[in-house]
Amino acid sequence: ISSKGPTHTSAQFDLEIIQKSMLKAIVVSFLSLPLRAASSCYGPRTPGQLRNQLWGPDSDYEKGTRPEVARLALNESANPGDAAPDVAKVQLHVNALTFLNQKRNEYQINVWFRQRWNDFRLQYNDTTNGGCFPDNQREGFREELLNEIWHPDFFIENQVKIDSHVAGSFWIFPNGDVVYVKSDLLTLSCNMDFNKFPKDVQVCSFRIGTFLEDATDVLIDFWDDIPEITLAADKIKLSPSDAATAHGGTTDFEIVGAYGNRPDADEGFGTTQTESYVYYTFELERNVEYYNDFVIMPCILMVIIGWASFFISREAAPARVTMSMICFLSNANYLSAQLAYLPRLGNDVWLLKFMTISQLFTFYAVIEYVICNVLLRVEKRIAGEVKRTEELKRLKTESVSQEMSSSDQHEASDDSNGNPETVTKADLIAAGFNQKMGLLLLKDDGTMRIKDQHIDVTSRYVYPVVYIIGCVVIWGTL
């Protein structure tokens, strides 16, 4: 009896341990049952598996066939030529206006170019439909995989350089929507109008179409839920010194307007097929403060300094020559600086008209002193000849008076004192004066037709009045 007691107690203890372990296992299994049921899913679980299922080698996906043709081809009796066009939607987000070359009529922008289309062959199940991917979420893929699926063949018609591609990726939604976003630097041509330069607003457009497909294959439209074009800031500005600071600082241009336009499909440039395309247009306004402060105002100051030279004595040749020449050369330098940044245009540019007029007035200040100096020297020669001729006439009169009688001499003396003789042009010629310029300027009575002081005094009044009238007329053309 004593030997059976311990044996019975040990067996009973082992049974209790087994029962507790089984109960614990049952509780754990019961608690984990809802979790397992909630997290269970069917189909691909990773982006790689999803890729293999949708367009991998084991799928029947044909990237050379557009979605609507593939949809119609499911009906073996249907004609693929009757397939509806696929709709590709685009949207542009401008990050910065980084470059504008006036001479080449080019500008560069940094953009995010967004594209969206639907391909029913790329549909997959989300969580609601038993799949392993979240509801209303998208699954992203690297850009190099885009060439493995069908996508619209977009191109920009007035792009002048191969763009610098920055980055890109595409995403696929459960309903088959594909969103492709790429970041590019686009260098585009623009037919710029400089008639009102520097108070000009350049309207630059570029056209996006499809190179391979025509309007019967792909129709291009804008996104529905966001504007066709958005800007990174309310005013994106172009910095001439540092393109990275395009959002502020000392600036030259700013985008004051941006909009898109989708015209009806028509025949594209250089093709005979009907194409679908969209336009994006920018209005670029120049900051005129720089030109007011550092171009227009200095030109006006040079004209004023040239006018001030008329008040300096004509005998002070170094001062007058220096002032007038500095003004002329300064305006010529300002004009050359602007021509270096503009294409070879005519005289239809407002700033060039103004600067040309200002340069002509400073040129007049130089020529005016040249004329005054010539007249001053001619006047001195004539004065010397007049003095010599008067001396000859006096000697001749004295010689004649010695031969006359005393009564006649007294009468001649009275006539001489009452009507003093003046030296005429004929007297100077008779005395041997043959200077061509002097003879041209002399009147018959021996006085000059025009003198240097006449030109100086006239210029002091006429010069500023004519320049102001010219500026008012030029300003009226803006």
Protein backbone atom coordinates (compact mmCIF):
# COMPACT_ATOMS: atom_id res chain seq x y z
CA ILE A 1 0.00 0.00 0.00
CA SER A 2 2.81 2.44 0.88
CA SER A 3 4.48 1.84 -2.49
CA LYS A 4 1.30 2.59 -4.49
CA GLY A 5 0.65 5.99 -2.84
CA PRO A 6 3.62 7.94 -4.35
CA THR A 7 3.06 6.36 -7.76
CA HIS A 8 -0.53 7.52 -7.85
CA THR A 9 0.40 11.05 -6.76
CA SER A 10 3.09 11.44 -9.56
CA ALA A 11 0.74 10.33 -12.31
CA GLN A 12 -1.91 12.70 -11.10
CA PHE A 13 0.62 15.58 -11.20
CA ASP A 14 1.71 14.80 -14.76
CA LEU A 15 -1.90 14.75 -15.88
CA GLU A 16 -2.52 18.24 -14.47
CA ILE A 17 0.52 19.61 -16.35
CA ILE A 18 -0.71 18.14 -19.63
CA GLN A 19 -4.18 19.58 -19.10
CA LYS A 20 -2.82 23.06 -18.40
CA SER A 21 -0.61 22.95 -21.51
CA MET A 22 -3.50 21.92 -23.71
CA LEU A 23 -5.72 24.63 -22.25
CA LYS A 24 -3.04 27.23 -22.86
CA ALA A 25 -2.61 26.12 -26.46
CA ILE A 26 -6.37 26.29 -27.00
CA VAL A 27 -6.55 29.84 -25.55
CA VAL A 28 -3.61 31.06 -27.66
CA SER A 29 -5.08 29.55 -30.78
CA PHE A 30 -8.46 31.07 -30.04
CA LEU A 31 -6.99 34.55 -29.41
CA SER A 32 -4.88 34.50 -32.56
CA LEU A 33 -7.70 33.29 -34.76
CA PRO A 34 -9.23 36.79 -35.46
CA LEU A 35 -5.78 38.25 -36.17
CA ARG A 36 -4.96 35.56 -38.68
CA ALA A 37 -8.30 35.91 -40.35
CA ALA A 38 -7.89 39.72 -40.58
CA SER A 39 -4.36 39.62 -42.07
CA SER A 40 -4.91 36.85 -44.56
CA CYS A 41 -4.83 37.79 -48.26
CA TYR A 42 -4.42 36.20 -51.64
CA GLY A 43 -2.28 37.07 -54.63
CA PRO A 44 0.99 39.03 -54.90
CA ARG A 45 2.32 40.43 -51.64
CA THR A 46 5.28 42.57 -52.81
CA PRO A 47 5.82 45.07 -55.66
CA GLY A 48 8.05 42.57 -57.39
CA GLN A 49 5.39 39.88 -57.28
CA LEU A 50 2.80 42.40 -58.47
CA ARG A 51 5.01 43.35 -61.40
CA ASN A 52 5.45 39.70 -62.41
CA GLN A 53 1.72 39.11 -62.24
CA LEU A 54 0.70 42.22 -64.20
CA TRP A 55 3.28 42.41 -66.98
CA GLY A 56 5.91 39.79 -66.22
CA PRO A 57 7.06 37.01 -68.55
CA ASP A 58 4.27 34.72 -67.39
CA SER A 59 1.54 37.32 -68.15
CA ASP A 60 -0.04 37.93 -71.54
CA TYR A 61 0.65 41.70 -71.39
CA GLU A 62 1.69 43.29 -74.70
CA LYS A 63 3.37 46.64 -74.17
CA GLY A 64 3.10 47.49 -77.87
CA THR A 65 -0.70 47.41 -77.73
CA ARG A 66 -2.54 50.34 -76.24
CA PRO A 67 -5.21 49.59 -73.59
CA GLU A 68 -8.37 50.26 -75.63
CA VAL A 69 -7.16 48.07 -78.48
CA ALA A 70 -6.35 45.32 -76.00
CA ARG A 71 -9.81 45.67 -74.45
CA LEU A 72 -11.53 45.34 -77.82
CA ALA A 73 -9.29 42.42 -78.77
CA LEU A 74 -10.86 40.38 -75.97
CA ASN A 75 -13.79 40.03 -78.33
CA GLU A 76 -12.43 37.84 -81.08
CA SER A 77 -15.02 39.03 -83.58
CA ALA A 78 -14.37 42.75 -82.99
CA ASN A 79 -12.26 44.89 -85.29
CA PRO A 80 -9.34 46.48 -83.34
CA GLY A 81 -9.52 49.45 -85.71
CA ASP A 82 -12.82 50.41 -84.05
CA ALA A 83 -11.15 50.83 -80.66
CA ALA A 84 -11.81 54.13 -78.89
CA PRO A 85 -8.83 56.42 -78.27
CA ASP A 86 -7.08 56.23 -74.93
CA VAL A 87 -7.21 59.40 -72.82
CA ALA A 88 -3.90 60.60 -71.40
CA LYS A 89 -4.08 63.45 -68.91
CA VAL A 90 -1.22 65.83 -68.19
CA GLN A 91 -0.38 68.42 -65.54
CA LEU A 92 2.61 70.73 -65.15
CA HIS A 93 4.14 71.95 -61.90
CA VAL A 94 6.79 74.68 -62.31
CA ASN A 95 9.49 74.71 -59.67
CA ALA A 96 11.67 77.52 -61.02
CA LEU A 97 12.42 79.69 -64.02
CA THR A 98 16.16 79.06 -64.14
CA PHE A 99 17.42 80.69 -67.34
CA LEU A 100 16.42 83.13 -70.08
CA ASN A 101 18.62 83.96 -73.05
CA GLN A 102 17.26 87.01 -74.85
CA LYS A 103 19.79 86.80 -77.66
CA ARG A 104 18.88 83.21 -78.53
CA ASN A 105 15.18 83.57 -77.67
CA GLU A 106 15.36 80.68 -75.23
CA TYR A 107 14.29 80.04 -71.66
CA GLN A 108 14.68 77.17 -69.23
CA ILE A 109 12.30 75.94 -66.57
CA ASN A 110 12.48 73.22 -63.94
CA VAL A 111 9.19 71.31 -63.98
CA TRP A 112 7.43 68.23 -62.72
CA PHE A 113 5.60 66.77 -65.72
CA ARG A 114 2.72 64.60 -64.51
CA GLN A 115 0.98 62.09 -66.77
CA ARG A 116 -2.01 59.85 -66.07
CA TRP A 117 -3.80 57.19 -68.07
CA ASN A 118 -5.74 53.99 -67.42
CA ASP A 119 -4.69 50.50 -68.44
CA PHE A 120 -7.27 47.88 -67.42
CA ARG A 121 -4.65 45.13 -67.81
CA LEU A 122 -2.81 46.56 -64.79
CA GLN A 123 -5.72 46.21 -62.36
CA TYR A 124 -5.08 44.31 -59.12
CA ASN A 125 -7.00 43.48 -55.96
CA ASP A 126 -6.79 45.68 -52.91
CA THR A 127 -7.60 44.61 -49.36
CA THR A 128 -11.35 44.99 -49.84
CA ASN A 129 -11.25 42.55 -52.73
CA GLY A 130 -9.04 40.05 -50.90
CA GLY A 131 -5.74 41.37 -52.15
CA CYS A 132 -2.64 42.17 -50.13
CA PHE A 133 -2.35 45.90 -50.97
CA PRO A 134 -4.13 48.69 -49.03
CA ASP A 135 -7.36 50.17 -50.31
CA ASN A 136 -7.18 53.38 -52.39
CA GLN A 137 -3.40 53.30 -52.32
CA ARG A 138 -0.92 53.21 -55.15
CA GLU A 139 2.13 51.03 -55.62
CA GLY A 140 5.29 52.71 -56.91
CA PHE A 141 7.93 51.46 -59.34
CA ARG A 142 11.26 52.71 -60.61
CA GLU A 143 11.26 54.79 -63.79
CA GLU A 144 13.34 52.31 -65.83
CA LEU A 145 10.48 49.80 -65.56
CA LEU A 146 8.16 52.15 -67.46
CA ASN A 147 9.47 50.85 -70.77
CA GLU A 148 8.04 47.45 -69.89
CA ILE A 149 4.44 48.73 -70.13
CA TRP A 150 2.52 50.80 -72.64
CA HIS A 151 2.70 54.57 -72.11
CA PRO A 152 1.91 57.64 -74.27
CA ASP A 153 4.76 58.85 -76.45
CA PHE A 154 4.78 62.51 -75.38
CA PHE A 155 7.13 65.10 -76.84
CA ILE A 156 7.53 68.89 -76.79
CA GLU A 157 7.62 70.46 -80.23
CA ASN A 158 9.59 73.65 -79.49
CA GLN A 159 12.17 72.10 -77.19
CA VAL A 160 15.60 73.23 -78.44
CA LYS A 161 17.85 71.05 -76.27
CA ILE A 162 17.78 67.52 -74.92
CA ASP A 163 16.43 68.12 -71.46
CA SER A 164 18.40 67.31 -68.34
CA HIS A 165 16.36 64.59 -66.73
CA VAL A 166 16.49 64.87 -62.93
CA ALA A 167 14.27 62.07 -61.59
CA GLY A 168 11.11 60.11 -62.24
CA SER A 169 8.86 57.29 -61.02
CA PHE A 170 5.48 55.83 -61.79
CA TRP A 171 2.68 54.47 -59.65
CA ILE A 172 -0.15 52.00 -60.39
CA PHE A 173 -3.53 52.14 -58.65
CA PRO A 174 -5.77 49.08 -58.09
CA ASN A 175 -8.20 50.31 -60.77
CA GLY A 176 -5.43 50.31 -63.39
CA ASP A 177 -4.66 54.06 -63.34
CA VAL A 178 -1.00 54.79 -64.04
CA VAL A 179 0.58 58.02 -62.82
CA TYR A 180 4.01 58.94 -64.17
CA VAL A 181 5.86 61.94 -62.73
CA LYS A 182 9.26 63.13 -63.94
CA SER A 183 11.37 66.13 -63.03
CA ASP A 184 13.04 67.80 -66.02
CA LEU A 185 14.97 70.89 -67.01
CA LEU A 186 13.34 72.07 -70.23
CA THR A 187 15.10 74.50 -72.59
CA LEU A 188 12.45 75.94 -74.88
CA SER A 189 12.30 78.47 -77.69
CA CYS A 190 10.16 81.57 -77.42
CA ASN A 191 9.33 84.18 -80.05
CA MET A 192 10.10 87.22 -77.91
CA ASP A 193 8.88 90.73 -78.65
CA PHE A 194 11.24 93.52 -77.56
CA ASN A 195 9.28 96.52 -78.86
CA LYS A 196 8.62 97.77 -75.32
CA PHE A 197 11.87 96.55 -73.79
CA PRO A 198 12.55 96.95 -70.83
CA LYS A 199 8.86 97.36 -69.96
CA ASP A 200 7.98 94.21 -71.84
CA VAL A 201 5.97 91.11 -70.99
CA GLN A 202 7.12 88.04 -72.90
CA VAL A 203 4.42 85.49 -73.74
CA CYS A 204 6.10 82.11 -74.17
CA SER A 205 4.26 78.91 -75.04
CA PHE A 206 5.20 75.33 -75.67
CA ARG A 207 3.17 72.53 -77.20
CA ILE A 208 2.93 68.95 -75.96
CA GLY A 209 1.75 66.25 -78.31
CA THR A 210 2.30 62.59 -79.06
CA PHE A 211 4.94 61.62 -81.59
CA LEU A 212 3.73 58.13 -82.53
CA GLU A 213 -0.01 58.19 -81.90
CA ASP A 214 -2.51 60.51 -83.58
CA ALA A 215 -5.85 61.73 -82.26
CA THR A 216 -7.56 58.46 -83.15
CA ASP A 217 -5.19 56.64 -80.79
CA VAL A 218 -4.55 59.05 -77.91
CA LEU A 219 -6.46 62.14 -76.78
CA ILE A 220 -4.58 64.52 -74.49
CA ASP A 221 -6.46 66.34 -71.76
CA PHE A 222 -5.77 68.05 -68.43
CA TRP A 223 -6.23 66.49 -65.00
CA ASP A 224 -9.66 66.95 -63.45
CA ASP A 225 -8.84 67.45 -59.78
CA ILE A 226 -5.97 69.97 -59.98
CA PRO A 227 -5.25 73.00 -62.20
CA GLU A 228 -3.54 72.33 -65.49
CA ILE A 229 -0.47 74.24 -64.29
CA THR A 230 0.74 75.11 -60.81
CA LEU A 231 3.67 77.18 -59.55
CA ALA A 232 5.98 76.49 -56.65
CA ALA A 233 5.32 80.05 -55.43
CA ASP A 234 2.89 82.83 -56.28
CA LYS A 235 5.66 84.61 -58.15
CA ILE A 236 8.56 82.57 -59.47
CA LYS A 237 11.42 84.87 -60.37
CA LEU A 238 14.54 84.51 -62.46
CA SER A 239 17.76 85.55 -60.77
CA PRO A 240 20.48 86.56 -63.24
CA SER A 241 23.21 85.90 -60.68
CA ASP A 242 22.16 82.59 -59.16
CA ALA A 243 19.54 80.33 -60.69
CA ALA A 244 19.23 78.43 -57.42
CA THR A 245 17.67 81.52 -55.79
CA ALA A 246 14.89 81.74 -58.34
CA HIS A 247 12.28 82.40 -55.65
CA GLY A 248 13.68 85.78 -54.56
CA GLY A 249 16.62 88.17 -54.44
CA THR A 250 17.64 90.61 -57.16
CA THR A 251 15.60 89.47 -60.11
CA ASP A 252 15.07 90.17 -63.78
CA PHE A 253 11.92 88.24 -64.72
CA GLU A 254 8.92 86.86 -62.92
CA ILE A 255 6.03 84.67 -64.01
CA VAL A 256 2.92 86.81 -63.71
CA GLY A 257 0.63 84.42 -65.56
CA ALA A 258 0.55 80.72 -66.41
CA TYR A 259 -2.25 78.77 -68.03
CA GLY A 260 -2.95 75.81 -70.27
CA ASN A 261 -5.06 75.46 -73.37
CA ARG A 262 -6.41 72.35 -75.10
CA PRO A 263 -7.53 73.15 -78.63
CA ASP A 264 -9.41 70.77 -80.85
CA ALA A 265 -7.35 68.12 -82.57
CA ASP A 266 -5.96 69.20 -85.92
CA GLU A 267 -3.13 68.47 -88.27
CA GLY A 268 0.20 68.77 -86.49
CA PHE A 269 3.21 70.65 -87.75
CA GLY A 270 4.91 68.78 -90.57
CA THR A 271 2.43 65.89 -90.53
CA THR A 272 -0.66 64.85 -92.42
CA GLN A 273 -2.40 63.17 -89.49
CA THR A 274 -4.79 64.66 -86.97
CA GLU A 275 -3.03 65.18 -83.66
CA SER A 276 -4.16 65.90 -80.14
CA TYR A 277 -2.08 68.35 -78.16
CA VAL A 278 -2.10 70.92 -75.37
CA TYR A 279 -0.45 74.31 -74.95
CA TYR A 280 1.20 75.72 -71.84
CA THR A 281 1.73 79.48 -71.80
CA PHE A 282 3.80 81.68 -69.48
CA GLU A 283 3.69 85.45 -69.15
CA LEU A 284 7.14 86.65 -68.12
CA GLU A 285 7.32 90.24 -66.88
CA ARG A 286 10.66 92.00 -66.68
CA ASN A 287 11.68 93.88 -63.56
CA VAL A 288 12.22 97.40 -64.90
CA GLU A 289 13.81 98.87 -61.76
CA TYR A 290 17.32 97.83 -62.80
CA TYR A 291 16.99 99.57 -66.17
CA ASN A 292 15.49 102.70 -64.61
CA ASP A 293 18.30 103.01 -62.08
CA PHE A 294 21.34 101.82 -64.00
CA VAL A 295 20.60 102.40 -67.69
CA ILE A 296 17.99 105.10 -68.29
CA MET A 297 18.99 107.45 -65.48
CA PRO A 298 22.75 107.40 -66.31
CA CYS A 299 21.92 108.17 -69.96
CA ILE A 300 19.85 111.16 -68.89
CA LEU A 301 22.64 112.36 -66.57
CA MET A 302 25.18 112.16 -69.40
CA VAL A 303 22.91 114.32 -71.57
CA ILE A 304 22.60 116.86 -68.73
CA ILE A 305 26.38 116.99 -68.28
CA GLY A 306 26.75 117.51 -72.02
CA TRP A 307 24.29 120.40 -71.77
CA ALA A 308 26.25 121.88 -68.85
CA SER A 309 29.36 122.06 -71.04
CA PHE A 310 27.70 124.87 -73.03
CA PHE A 311 28.13 127.15 -70.02
CA ILE A 312 31.90 126.68 -69.87
CA SER A 313 34.07 129.27 -71.58
CA ARG A 314 34.92 128.47 -75.16
CA GLU A 315 38.51 129.32 -74.38
CA ALA A 316 38.66 126.40 -71.89
CA ALA A 317 39.12 123.74 -74.55
CA PRO A 318 40.36 120.90 -72.26
CA ALA A 319 37.35 121.19 -69.93
CA ARG A 320 34.75 121.29 -72.67
CA VAL A 321 36.32 118.50 -74.74
CA THR A 322 36.67 116.26 -71.68
CA MET A 323 33.08 116.75 -70.52
CA SER A 324 31.48 116.23 -73.91
CA MET A 325 33.64 113.24 -74.86
CA ILE A 326 33.09 111.45 -71.54
CA CYS A 327 29.33 111.84 -71.95
CA PHE A 328 29.38 110.52 -75.51
CA LEU A 329 31.60 107.53 -74.70
CA SER A 330 29.58 106.67 -71.59
CA ASN A 331 26.32 106.53 -73.51
CA ALA A 332 28.02 104.52 -76.26
CA ASN A 333 29.17 102.05 -73.60
CA TYR A 334 25.65 101.76 -72.13
CA LEU A 335 24.24 101.11 -75.60
CA SER A 336 26.85 98.46 -76.39
CA ALA A 337 26.11 96.66 -73.12
CA GLN A 338 22.43 96.33 -74.02
CA LEU A 339 23.13 95.26 -77.59
CA ALA A 340 25.30 92.42 -76.25
CA TYR A 341 22.24 90.82 -74.59
CA LEU A 342 19.74 91.36 -77.42
CA PRO A 343 19.38 89.72 -80.82
CA ARG A 344 20.21 91.75 -83.90
CA LEU A 345 17.11 93.89 -84.10
CA GLY A 346 16.18 97.07 -85.86
CA ASN A 347 15.30 100.34 -84.21
CA ASP A 348 11.93 99.05 -83.00
CA VAL A 349 13.17 98.44 -79.46
CA TRP A 350 12.06 101.18 -77.06
CA LEU A 351 15.21 101.25 -74.94
CA LEU A 352 17.45 101.30 -78.01
CA LYS A 353 15.48 104.25 -79.40
CA PHE A 354 15.87 106.15 -76.17
CA MET A 355 19.57 105.38 -75.83
CA THR A 356 20.22 106.26 -79.48
CA ILE A 357 18.55 109.65 -79.04
CA SER A 358 20.54 110.27 -75.85
CA GLN A 359 23.75 109.34 -77.65
CA LEU A 360 22.92 111.71 -80.51
CA PHE A 361 22.50 114.58 -78.04
CA THR A 362 25.83 113.85 -76.34
CA PHE A 363 27.34 113.64 -79.84
CA TYR A 364 25.90 117.08 -80.56
CA ALA A 365 27.65 118.41 -77.45
CA VAL A 366 30.96 117.26 -78.97
CA ILE A 367 30.22 118.64 -82.45
CA GLU A 368 28.85 121.88 -81.00
CA TYR A 369 32.16 122.72 -79.40
CA VAL A 370 34.04 121.75 -82.58
CA ILE A 371 31.88 124.23 -84.52
CA CYS A 372 32.27 126.89 -81.83
CA ASN A 373 36.02 126.41 -81.80
CA VAL A 374 36.20 126.76 -85.59
CA LEU A 375 34.05 129.90 -85.52
CA LEU A 376 36.17 131.32 -82.70
CA ARG A 377 39.35 130.87 -84.73
CA VAL A 378 37.73 132.29 -87.86
CA GLU A 379 36.51 135.26 -85.86
CA LYS A 380 40.02 135.90 -84.58
CA ARG A 381 41.46 135.75 -88.11
CA ILE A 382 38.81 138.15 -89.41
CA ALA A 383 39.42 140.51 -86.48
CA GLY A 384 43.12 140.50 -87.30
CA GLU A 385 42.42 141.16 -90.97
CA VAL A 386 40.00 143.94 -90.10
CA LYS A 387 42.61 145.59 -87.93
CA ARG A 388 45.22 145.30 -90.69
CA THR A 389 42.80 146.63 -93.27
CA GLU A 390 41.88 149.57 -91.05
CA GLU A 391 45.56 150.39 -90.65
CA LEU A 392 46.05 150.29 -94.43
CA LYS A 393 43.04 152.54 -94.95
CA ARG A 394 44.32 154.95 -92.31
CA LEU A 395 47.73 155.18 -94.00
CA LYS A 396 46.08 155.66 -97.36
CA THR A 397 43.88 158.42 -95.96
CA GLU A 398 46.86 160.19 -94.44
CA SER A 399 48.74 160.00 -97.71
CA VAL A 400 45.85 161.49 -99.60
CA SER A 401 45.32 164.21 -97.04
CA GLN A 402 48.86 165.48 -97.47
CA GLU A 403 48.14 166.23 -101.17
CA MET A 404 44.89 168.03 -100.51
CA SER A 405 44.50 171.72 -99.84
CA SER A 406 43.94 172.87 -96.34
CA SER A 407 40.27 173.68 -97.03
CA ASP A 408 39.67 170.36 -98.62
CA GLN A 409 41.55 168.70 -95.77
CA HIS A 410 39.33 170.46 -93.23
CA GLU A 411 36.24 169.28 -95.09
CA ALA A 412 37.56 165.71 -95.35
CA SER A 413 38.38 165.79 -91.69
CA ASP A 414 34.84 166.85 -90.86
CA ASP A 415 33.44 164.10 -93.09
CA SER A 416 35.75 161.54 -91.49
CA ASN A 417 34.77 162.51 -87.95
CA GLY A 418 31.07 162.57 -88.79
CA ASN A 419 30.88 159.31 -90.82
CA PRO A 420 33.62 156.94 -89.71
CA GLU A 421 34.40 154.29 -92.34
CA THR A 422 33.80 150.64 -91.60
CA VAL A 423 35.74 147.76 -93.16
CA THR A 424 33.56 145.88 -95.63
CA LYS A 425 33.98 142.44 -97.18
CA ALA A 426 35.23 144.12 -100.37
CA ASP A 427 37.86 146.01 -98.36
CA LEU A 428 39.13 142.76 -96.84
CA ILE A 429 39.32 141.10 -100.24
CA ALA A 430 41.13 144.13 -101.63
CA ALA A 431 43.56 143.92 -98.72
CA GLY A 432 44.37 140.32 -99.67
CA PHE A 433 42.13 138.32 -97.32
CA ASN A 434 41.39 135.00 -99.03
CA GLN A 435 40.50 132.59 -96.23
CA LYS A 436 37.60 130.54 -97.64
CA MET A 437 35.78 129.86 -94.39
CA GLY A 438 36.04 133.51 -93.39
CA LEU A 439 34.75 134.73 -96.74
CA LEU A 440 31.85 132.29 -96.52
CA LEU A 441 30.85 133.57 -93.08
CA LEU A 442 31.33 137.30 -93.87
CA LYS A 443 28.44 139.51 -94.91
CA ASP A 444 28.92 142.35 -97.35
CA ASP A 445 29.19 144.90 -94.51
CA GLY A 446 32.16 143.03 -93.05
CA THR A 447 30.35 141.42 -90.09
CA MET A 448 30.05 137.66 -89.49
CA ARG A 449 26.83 135.88 -90.32
CA ILE A 450 27.11 133.64 -87.23
CA LYS A 451 29.46 133.63 -84.29
CA ASP A 452 30.47 130.99 -81.76
CA GLN A 453 28.63 132.74 -78.97
CA HIS A 454 25.43 132.59 -81.01
CA ILE A 455 25.63 128.78 -81.17
CA ASP A 456 26.49 128.46 -77.48
CA VAL A 457 23.64 130.67 -76.33
CA THR A 458 21.13 129.02 -78.68
CA SER A 459 22.21 125.53 -77.57
CA ARG A 460 21.72 126.41 -73.91
CA TYR A 461 18.00 126.88 -74.54
CA VAL A 462 17.16 124.68 -77.53
CA TYR A 463 19.16 121.58 -76.45
CA PRO A 464 17.18 120.74 -73.26
CA VAL A 465 13.82 121.66 -74.78
CA VAL A 466 14.27 119.40 -77.81
CA TYR A 467 15.58 116.53 -75.63
CA ILE A 468 12.58 116.75 -73.30
CA ILE A 469 10.18 116.76 -76.26
CA GLY A 470 11.97 113.74 -77.71
CA CYS A 471 11.74 111.85 -74.42
CA VAL A 472 8.03 112.62 -74.07
CA VAL A 473 7.38 111.33 -77.58
CA ILE A 474 9.41 108.17 -76.91
CA TRP A 475 7.67 107.57 -73.58
CA GLY A 476 4.33 107.93 -75.30
CA THR A 477 5.05 104.82 -77.38
CA LEU A 478 5.10 102.56 -74.30
